[in-house]
């Protein structure tokens, strides 16, 4: 299934990606930012905060925005 993934980490980017049915936000975070801690990010789906076990759905808009910025 296809979702819009927005990563505001570093330079940031947005792109449509395919994820397997049943993928949770926690799964996606571990795939995209394996060396990062979820508690250091504002994680939203369709502009709303969600729990780690939220199951992604076709057409969701997912964003990961760091809450701690190094050097700031």
PDB file of N, CA and C in Angstrom:
ATOM      1  N   UNK A   1       0.843  -1.162   0.000  1.00  0.00           N
ATOM      2  CA  UNK A   1       0.000   0.000   0.000  1.00  0.00           C
ATOM      3  C   UNK A   1       0.893   1.232   0.000  1.00  0.00           C
ATOM      4  N   UNK A   2       0.371   2.335  -0.474  1.00  0.00           N
ATOM      5  CA  UNK A   2       1.168   3.533  -0.693  1.00  0.00           C
ATOM      6  C   UNK A   2       0.801   4.624   0.311  1.00  0.00           C
ATOM      7  N   UNK A   3       1.855   5.255   0.894  1.00  0.00           N
ATOM      8  CA  UNK A   3       1.654   6.371   1.818  1.00  0.00           C
ATOM      9  C   UNK A   3       2.610   7.497   1.435  1.00  0.00           C
ATOM     10  N   UNK A   4       2.323   8.704   1.922  1.00  0.00           N
ATOM     11  CA  UNK A   4       3.244   9.824   1.746  1.00  0.00           C
ATOM     12  C   UNK A   4       4.082   9.915   3.010  1.00  0.00           C
ATOM     13  N   UNK A   5       5.397   9.813   2.869  1.00  0.00           N
ATOM     14  CA  UNK A   5       6.309   9.851   4.003  1.00  0.00           C
ATOM     15  C   UNK A   5       7.098  11.151   3.961  1.00  0.00           C
ATOM     16  N   UNK A   6       7.017  11.923   5.062  1.00  0.00           N
ATOM     17  CA  UNK A   6       7.725  13.195   5.171  1.00  0.00           C
ATOM     18  C   UNK A   6       8.720  13.071   6.316  1.00  0.00           C
ATOM     19  N   UNK A   7      10.004  13.167   6.010  1.00  0.00           N
ATOM     20  CA  UNK A   7      11.047  13.103   7.034  1.00  0.00           C
ATOM     21  C   UNK A   7      11.649  14.487   7.177  1.00  0.00           C
ATOM     22  N   UNK A   8      11.473  15.096   8.324  1.00  0.00           N
ATOM     23  CA  UNK A   8      12.016  16.423   8.590  1.00  0.00           C
ATOM     24  C   UNK A   8      13.323  16.321   9.359  1.00  0.00           C
ATOM     25  N   UNK A   9      14.082  15.284   9.092  1.00  0.00           N
ATOM     26  CA  UNK A   9      15.360  15.025   9.740  1.00  0.00           C
ATOM     27  C   UNK A   9      16.465  15.469   8.785  1.00  0.00           C
ATOM     28  N   UNK A  10      17.388  16.283   9.264  1.00  0.00           N
ATOM     29  CA  UNK A  10      18.447  16.772   8.384  1.00  0.00           C
ATOM     30  C   UNK A  10      17.872  17.706   7.342  1.00  0.00           C
ATOM     31  N   UNK A  11      18.118  17.419   6.075  1.00  0.00           N
ATOM     32  CA  UNK A  11      17.616  18.253   4.995  1.00  0.00           C
ATOM     33  C   UNK A  11      16.135  18.084   4.744  1.00  0.00           C
ATOM     34  N   UNK A  12      15.573  16.980   5.200  1.00  0.00           N
ATOM     35  CA  UNK A  12      14.153  16.724   5.012  1.00  0.00           C
ATOM     36  C   UNK A  12      13.831  16.306   3.586  1.00  0.00           C
ATOM     37  N   UNK A  13      12.788  15.531   3.434  1.00  0.00           N
ATOM     38  CA  UNK A  13      12.318  15.118   2.121  1.00  0.00           C
ATOM     39  C   UNK A  13      10.907  14.570   2.259  1.00  0.00           C
ATOM     40  N   UNK A  14      10.204  14.487   1.170  1.00  0.00           N
ATOM     41  CA  UNK A  14       8.882  13.878   1.137  1.00  0.00           C
ATOM     42  C   UNK A  14       8.803  13.007  -0.109  1.00  0.00           C
ATOM     43  N   UNK A  15       8.202  11.833   0.053  1.00  0.00           N
ATOM     44  CA  UNK A  15       8.078  10.932  -1.086  1.00  0.00           C
ATOM     45  C   UNK A  15       7.005   9.893  -0.791  1.00  0.00           C
ATOM     46  N   UNK A  16       6.400   9.399  -1.828  1.00  0.00           N
ATOM     47  CA  UNK A  16       5.465   8.288  -1.681  1.00  0.00           C
ATOM     48  C   UNK A  16       6.278   7.010  -1.544  1.00  0.00           C
ATOM     49  N   UNK A  17       5.901   6.181  -0.586  1.00  0.00           N
ATOM     50  CA  UNK A  17       6.585   4.902  -0.389  1.00  0.00           C
ATOM     51  C   UNK A  17       5.538   3.800  -0.277  1.00  0.00           C
ATOM     52  N   UNK A  18       5.954   2.598  -0.563  1.00  0.00           N
ATOM     53  CA  UNK A  18       5.089   1.434  -0.404  1.00  0.00           C
ATOM     54  C   UNK A  18       5.424   0.744   0.903  1.00  0.00           C
ATOM     55  N   UNK A  19       4.399   0.408   1.671  1.00  0.00           N
ATOM     56  CA  UNK A  19       4.574  -0.331   2.921  1.00  0.00           C
ATOM     57  C   UNK A  19       3.652  -1.543   2.890  1.00  0.00           C
ATOM     58  N   UNK A  20       4.042  -2.556   3.619  1.00  0.00           N
ATOM     59  CA  UNK A  20       3.239  -3.779   3.678  1.00  0.00           C
ATOM     60  C   UNK A  20       1.975  -3.538   4.503  1.00  0.00           C
ATOM     61  N   UNK A  21       0.862  -4.151   4.126  1.00  0.00           N
ATOM     62  CA  UNK A  21      -0.336  -4.065   4.963  1.00  0.00           C
ATOM     63  C   UNK A  21      -0.018  -4.547   6.379  1.00  0.00           C
ATOM     64  N   UNK A  22      -0.547  -3.865   7.369  1.00  0.00           N
ATOM     65  CA  UNK A  22      -0.305  -4.227   8.750  1.00  0.00           C
ATOM     66  C   UNK A  22       0.893  -3.521   9.369  1.00  0.00           C
ATOM     67  N   UNK A  23       1.596  -2.703   8.579  1.00  0.00           N
ATOM     68  CA  UNK A  23       2.737  -1.954   9.103  1.00  0.00           C
ATOM     69  C   UNK A  23       2.250  -0.918  10.109  1.00  0.00           C
ATOM     70  N   UNK A  24       2.916  -0.850  11.256  1.00  0.00           N
ATOM     71  CA  UNK A  24       2.572   0.138  12.273  1.00  0.00           C
ATOM     72  C   UNK A  24       3.545   1.312  12.186  1.00  0.00           C
ATOM     73  N   UNK A  25       3.195   2.394  12.871  1.00  0.00           N
ATOM     74  CA  UNK A  25       4.092   3.545  12.942  1.00  0.00           C
ATOM     75  C   UNK A  25       5.430   3.124  13.534  1.00  0.00           C
ATOM     76  N   UNK A  26       5.398   2.303  14.563  1.00  0.00           N
ATOM     77  CA  UNK A  26       6.633   1.833  15.188  1.00  0.00           C
ATOM     78  C   UNK A  26       7.496   1.076  14.180  1.00  0.00           C
ATOM     79  N   UNK A  27       6.885   0.212  13.380  1.00  0.00           N
ATOM     80  CA  UNK A  27       7.614  -0.533  12.346  1.00  0.00           C
ATOM     81  C   UNK A  27       8.277   0.434  11.355  1.00  0.00           C
ATOM     82  N   UNK A  28       7.508   1.411  10.888  1.00  0.00           N
ATOM     83  CA  UNK A  28       8.024   2.359   9.902  1.00  0.00           C
ATOM     84  C   UNK A  28       9.167   3.182  10.485  1.00  0.00           C
ATOM     85  N   UNK A  29       9.016   3.626  11.728  1.00  0.00           N
ATOM     86  CA  UNK A  29      10.074   4.410  12.368  1.00  0.00           C
ATOM     87  C   UNK A  29      11.366   3.598  12.439  1.00  0.00           C
ATOM     88  N   UNK A  30      11.260   2.346  12.843  1.00  0.00           N
ATOM     89  CA  UNK A  30      12.449   1.491  12.948  1.00  0.00           C
ATOM     90  C   UNK A  30      13.088   1.246  11.583  1.00  0.00           C
ATOM     91  N   UNK A  31      12.275   1.195  10.526  1.00  0.00           N
ATOM     92  CA  UNK A  31      12.812   0.992   9.181  1.00  0.00           C
ATOM     93  C   UNK A  31      13.526   2.238   8.671  1.00  0.00           C
ATOM     94  N   UNK A  32      12.926   3.404   8.900  1.00  0.00           N
ATOM     95  CA  UNK A  32      13.445   4.646   8.329  1.00  0.00           C
ATOM     96  C   UNK A  32      14.516   5.325   9.175  1.00  0.00           C
ATOM     97  N   UNK A  33      14.419   5.210  10.497  1.00  0.00           N
ATOM     98  CA  UNK A  33      15.370   5.873  11.396  1.00  0.00           C
ATOM     99  C   UNK A  33      15.843   4.882  12.462  1.00  0.00           C
ATOM    100  N   UNK A  34      16.535   3.821  12.058  1.00  0.00           N
ATOM    101  CA  UNK A  34      16.879   2.746  12.999  1.00  0.00           C
ATOM    102  C   UNK A  34      17.785   3.156  14.155  1.00  0.00           C
ATOM    103  N   UNK A  35      18.579   4.190  13.981  1.00  0.00           N
ATOM    104  CA  UNK A  35      19.498   4.589  15.049  1.00  0.00           C
ATOM    105  C   UNK A  35      18.944   5.708  15.927  1.00  0.00           C
ATOM    106  N   UNK A  36      17.698   6.118  15.674  1.00  0.00           N
ATOM    107  CA  UNK A  36      17.070   7.210  16.418  1.00  0.00           C
ATOM    108  C   UNK A  36      16.084   6.687  17.456  1.00  0.00           C
ATOM    109  N   UNK A  37      15.732   7.549  18.412  1.00  0.00           N
ATOM    110  CA  UNK A  37      14.763   7.204  19.457  1.00  0.00           C
ATOM    111  C   UNK A  37      13.422   7.878  19.131  1.00  0.00           C
ATOM    112  N   UNK A  38      12.335   7.132  19.132  1.00  0.00           N
ATOM    113  CA  UNK A  38      11.023   7.719  18.816  1.00  0.00           C
ATOM    114  C   UNK A  38      10.642   8.870  19.742  1.00  0.00           C
ATOM    115  N   UNK A  39      11.097   8.820  21.002  1.00  0.00           N
ATOM    116  CA  UNK A  39      10.725   9.875  21.944  1.00  0.00           C
ATOM    117  C   UNK A  39      11.375  11.221  21.598  1.00  0.00           C
ATOM    118  N   UNK A  40      12.332  11.220  20.669  1.00  0.00           N
ATOM    119  CA  UNK A  40      12.965  12.462  20.229  1.00  0.00           C
ATOM    120  C   UNK A  40      12.292  13.045  18.988  1.00  0.00           C
ATOM    121  N   UNK A  41      11.141  12.497  18.618  1.00  0.00           N
ATOM    122  CA  UNK A  41      10.448  12.921  17.401  1.00  0.00           C
ATOM    123  C   UNK A  41       8.971  13.176  17.666  1.00  0.00           C
ATOM    124  N   UNK A  42       8.432  14.138  16.942  1.00  0.00           N
ATOM    125  CA  UNK A  42       6.995  14.347  16.889  1.00  0.00           C
ATOM    126  C   UNK A  42       6.523  13.519  15.700  1.00  0.00           C
ATOM    127  N   UNK A  43       5.731  12.496  15.974  1.00  0.00           N
ATOM    128  CA  UNK A  43       5.299  11.566  14.939  1.00  0.00           C
ATOM    129  C   UNK A  43       3.808  11.786  14.696  1.00  0.00           C
ATOM    130  N   UNK A  44       3.473  12.096  13.448  1.00  0.00           N
ATOM    131  CA  UNK A  44       2.070  12.401  13.117  1.00  0.00           C
ATOM    132  C   UNK A  44       1.630  11.633  11.881  1.00  0.00           C
ATOM    133  N   UNK A  45       0.345  11.301  11.863  1.00  0.00           N
ATOM    134  CA  UNK A  45      -0.285  10.708  10.693  1.00  0.00           C
ATOM    135  C   UNK A  45      -1.482  11.589  10.355  1.00  0.00           C
ATOM    136  N   UNK A  46      -1.512  12.061   9.125  1.00  0.00           N
ATOM    137  CA  UNK A  46      -2.572  12.966   8.678  1.00  0.00           C
ATOM    138  C   UNK A  46      -2.693  14.167   9.613  1.00  0.00           C
ATOM    139  N   UNK A  47      -1.521  14.677  10.022  1.00  0.00           N
ATOM    140  CA  UNK A  47      -1.366  15.861  10.876  1.00  0.00           C
ATOM    141  C   UNK A  47      -1.838  15.670  12.313  1.00  0.00           C
ATOM    142  N   UNK A  48      -2.103  14.438  12.727  1.00  0.00           N
ATOM    143  CA  UNK A  48      -2.550  14.146  14.086  1.00  0.00           C
ATOM    144  C   UNK A  48      -1.552  13.218  14.770  1.00  0.00           C
ATOM    145  N   UNK A  49      -1.277  13.435  16.073  1.00  0.00           N
ATOM    146  CA  UNK A  49      -0.411  12.500  16.788  1.00  0.00           C
ATOM    147  C   UNK A  49      -1.089  11.132  16.889  1.00  0.00           C
ATOM    148  N   UNK A  50      -0.302  10.080  16.837  1.00  0.00           N
ATOM    149  CA  UNK A  50      -0.836   8.719  16.915  1.00  0.00           C
ATOM    150  C   UNK A  50       0.019   7.883  17.856  1.00  0.00           C
ATOM    151  N   UNK A  51      -0.533   6.766  18.278  1.00  0.00           N
ATOM    152  CA  UNK A  51       0.207   5.838  19.135  1.00  0.00           C
ATOM    153  C   UNK A  51       1.134   4.980  18.279  1.00  0.00           C
ATOM    154  N   UNK A  52       2.100   4.359  18.938  1.00  0.00           N
ATOM    155  CA  UNK A  52       3.096   3.535  18.243  1.00  0.00           C
ATOM    156  C   UNK A  52       2.463   2.358  17.509  1.00  0.00           C
ATOM    157  N   UNK A  53       1.322   1.871  18.001  1.00  0.00           N
ATOM    158  CA  UNK A  53       0.697   0.700  17.386  1.00  0.00           C
ATOM    159  C   UNK A  53      -0.325   1.054  16.300  1.00  0.00           C
ATOM    160  N   UNK A  54      -0.384   2.330  15.903  1.00  0.00           N
ATOM    161  CA  UNK A  54      -1.305   2.729  14.831  1.00  0.00           C
ATOM    162  C   UNK A  54      -0.960   1.977  13.559  1.00  0.00           C
ATOM    163  N   UNK A  55      -1.938   1.339  12.965  1.00  0.00           N
ATOM    164  CA  UNK A  55      -1.749   0.616  11.711  1.00  0.00           C
ATOM    165  C   UNK A  55      -1.930   1.538  10.524  1.00  0.00           C
ATOM    166  N   UNK A  56      -0.900   1.650   9.716  1.00  0.00           N
ATOM    167  CA  UNK A  56      -0.963   2.536   8.559  1.00  0.00           C
ATOM    168  C   UNK A  56      -2.018   2.075   7.564  1.00  0.00           C
ATOM    169  N   UNK A  57      -2.614   3.073   6.893  1.00  0.00           N
ATOM    170  CA  UNK A  57      -3.655   2.802   5.911  1.00  0.00           C
ATOM    171  C   UNK A  57      -3.293   3.473   4.593  1.00  0.00           C
ATOM    172  N   UNK A  58      -3.808   2.938   3.516  1.00  0.00           N
ATOM    173  CA  UNK A  58      -3.577   3.485   2.179  1.00  0.00           C
ATOM    174  C   UNK A  58      -3.841   4.991   2.177  1.00  0.00           C
ATOM    175  N   UNK A  59      -2.871   5.748   1.637  1.00  0.00           N
ATOM    176  CA  UNK A  59      -3.035   7.191   1.495  1.00  0.00           C
ATOM    177  C   UNK A  59      -2.688   8.018   2.724  1.00  0.00           C
ATOM    178  N   UNK A  60      -2.267   7.380   3.830  1.00  0.00           N
ATOM    179  CA  UNK A  60      -1.875   8.140   5.019  1.00  0.00           C
ATOM    180  C   UNK A  60      -0.708   9.062   4.697  1.00  0.00           C
ATOM    181  N   UNK A  61      -0.647  10.180   5.427  1.00  0.00           N
ATOM    182  CA  UNK A  61       0.440  11.159   5.329  1.00  0.00           C
ATOM    183  C   UNK A  61       1.195  11.108   6.651  1.00  0.00           C
ATOM    184  N   UNK A  62       2.425  10.592   6.634  1.00  0.00           N
ATOM    185  CA  UNK A  62       3.205  10.363   7.845  1.00  0.00           C
ATOM    186  C   UNK A  62       4.365  11.348   7.906  1.00  0.00           C
ATOM    187  N   UNK A  63       4.560  11.986   9.075  1.00  0.00           N
ATOM    188  CA  UNK A  63       5.710  12.875   9.233  1.00  0.00           C
ATOM    189  C   UNK A  63       6.448  12.581  10.531  1.00  0.00           C
ATOM    190  N   UNK A  64       7.776  12.621  10.444  1.00  0.00           N
ATOM    191  CA  UNK A  64       8.671  12.465  11.590  1.00  0.00           C
ATOM    192  C   UNK A  64       9.457  13.770  11.708  1.00  0.00           C
ATOM    193  N   UNK A  65       9.241  14.521  12.784  1.00  0.00           N
ATOM    194  CA  UNK A  65       9.918  15.792  12.995  1.00  0.00           C
ATOM    195  C   UNK A  65      10.706  15.738  14.294  1.00  0.00           C
ATOM    196  N   UNK A  66      12.023  15.964  14.251  1.00  0.00           N
ATOM    197  CA  UNK A  66      12.811  15.910  15.488  1.00  0.00           C
ATOM    198  C   UNK A  66      12.407  17.028  16.431  1.00  0.00           C
ATOM    199  N   UNK A  67      12.383  16.704  17.729  1.00  0.00           N
ATOM    200  CA  UNK A  67      12.082  17.703  18.743  1.00  0.00           C
ATOM    201  C   UNK A  67      13.358  18.267  19.338  1.00  0.00           C
ATOM    202  N   UNK A  68      14.478  17.582  19.115  1.00  0.00           N
ATOM    203  CA  UNK A  68      15.783  18.043  19.589  1.00  0.00           C
ATOM    204  C   UNK A  68      16.668  18.252  18.380  1.00  0.00           C
ATOM    205  N   UNK A  69      17.202  19.459  18.261  1.00  0.00           N
ATOM    206  CA  UNK A  69      18.054  19.770  17.116  1.00  0.00           C
ATOM    207  C   UNK A  69      19.456  20.052  17.631  1.00  0.00           C
ATOM    208  N   UNK A  70      20.423  19.262  17.157  1.00  0.00           N
ATOM    209  CA  UNK A  70      21.806  19.421  17.605  1.00  0.00           C
ATOM    210  C   UNK A  70      22.347  20.772  17.185  1.00  0.00           C
ATOM    211  N   UNK A  71      23.047  21.431  18.105  1.00  0.00           N
ATOM    212  CA  UNK A  71      23.676  22.706  17.819  1.00  0.00           C
ATOM    213  C   UNK A  71      22.766  23.900  17.946  1.00  0.00           C
ATOM    214  N   UNK A  72      21.500  23.663  18.261  1.00  0.00           N
ATOM    215  CA  UNK A  72      20.562  24.795  18.373  1.00  0.00           C
ATOM    216  C   UNK A  72      20.480  25.277  19.800  1.00  0.00           C
TER     217      UNK A  72
END
